[in-house]
């Protein structure tokens, strides 16, 4: 069972998280396929903020993994709108 304080905290951040997902989805639509790192650079956000929103969008099937960016030494997944 979720404590009422936890429910209140989640409710207070829901509008922010929703808006952040919208911003990430907008960038993906405009620049797909795109990496999480490039989304972060485009929005001026920390990568951790982007990664959480990407996970939410993947879980909702709003976006899909579209292969890997092979131009970097480190494997970077590409994202696009589903």
Protein backbone atom coordinates (compact mmCIF):
# COMPACT_ATOMS: atom_id res chain seq x y z
CA UNK A 1 0.00 0.00 0.00
CA UNK A 2 1.26 3.49 -0.89
CA UNK A 3 1.45 5.97 1.97
CA UNK A 4 -0.70 9.08 1.57
CA UNK A 5 2.40 11.30 1.65
CA UNK A 6 3.85 9.33 -1.25
CA UNK A 7 0.61 9.66 -3.20
CA UNK A 8 0.60 13.41 -2.59
CA UNK A 9 4.23 13.71 -3.71
CA UNK A 10 3.54 11.77 -6.90
CA UNK A 11 0.47 13.87 -7.62
CA UNK A 12 2.48 17.06 -7.19
CA UNK A 13 5.05 16.06 -9.81
CA UNK A 14 2.64 14.52 -12.31
CA UNK A 15 2.06 17.77 -14.25
CA UNK A 16 5.80 18.41 -14.48
CA UNK A 17 6.57 14.88 -15.59
CA UNK A 18 3.79 15.05 -18.15
CA UNK A 19 5.14 18.27 -19.61
CA UNK A 20 8.67 16.86 -19.66
CA UNK A 21 7.45 13.81 -21.60
CA UNK A 22 5.76 16.12 -24.09
CA UNK A 23 9.00 18.05 -24.58
CA UNK A 24 11.03 14.86 -25.10
CA UNK A 25 8.45 13.52 -27.56
CA UNK A 26 8.52 16.81 -29.47
CA UNK A 27 12.30 16.63 -29.87
CA UNK A 28 12.12 13.01 -31.00
CA UNK A 29 9.45 13.86 -33.59
CA UNK A 30 11.47 16.76 -34.93
CA UNK A 31 14.83 14.95 -35.10
CA UNK A 32 14.20 11.21 -35.31
CA UNK A 33 16.03 8.97 -35.07
CA UNK A 34 17.84 10.59 -32.14
CA UNK A 35 19.87 9.50 -29.12
CA UNK A 36 19.09 10.25 -25.51
CA UNK A 37 22.30 12.29 -25.36
CA UNK A 38 21.19 14.42 -28.30
CA UNK A 39 17.76 14.94 -26.74
CA UNK A 40 19.45 16.14 -23.55
CA UNK A 41 21.68 18.52 -25.51
CA UNK A 42 18.70 19.82 -27.52
CA UNK A 43 16.69 20.56 -24.37
CA UNK A 44 19.63 21.68 -22.21
CA UNK A 45 18.75 18.99 -19.64
CA UNK A 46 20.81 16.50 -17.66
CA UNK A 47 20.83 13.01 -19.23
CA UNK A 48 19.14 11.54 -16.12
CA UNK A 49 16.10 13.73 -16.65
CA UNK A 50 15.83 12.60 -20.28
CA UNK A 51 16.36 8.91 -19.50
CA UNK A 52 13.40 8.79 -17.12
CA UNK A 53 11.09 10.46 -19.62
CA UNK A 54 12.29 8.17 -22.42
CA UNK A 55 11.53 5.14 -20.22
CA UNK A 56 8.00 6.46 -19.62
CA UNK A 57 7.44 6.97 -23.35
CA UNK A 58 8.84 3.52 -24.17
CA UNK A 59 6.56 1.96 -21.53
CA UNK A 60 3.55 3.71 -23.12
CA UNK A 61 4.63 2.52 -26.60
CA UNK A 62 4.80 6.15 -27.76
CA UNK A 63 8.34 5.68 -29.04
CA UNK A 64 10.51 2.73 -30.05
CA UNK A 65 14.18 1.85 -30.06
CA UNK A 66 15.38 2.27 -33.66
CA UNK A 67 18.81 0.66 -33.63
CA UNK A 68 22.15 2.06 -32.53
CA UNK A 69 24.17 5.14 -33.37
CA UNK A 70 27.48 3.70 -34.57
CA UNK A 71 29.27 7.04 -34.89
CA UNK A 72 30.41 6.95 -31.22
CA UNK A 73 32.70 4.59 -29.33
CA UNK A 74 29.99 4.07 -26.70
CA UNK A 75 26.81 2.31 -27.84
CA UNK A 76 23.96 4.83 -28.07
CA UNK A 77 20.42 3.74 -28.82
CA UNK A 78 18.40 5.64 -31.39
CA UNK A 79 14.78 6.53 -30.71
CA UNK A 80 11.87 7.34 -32.98
CA UNK A 81 8.12 7.80 -32.70
CA UNK A 82 6.21 4.52 -32.80
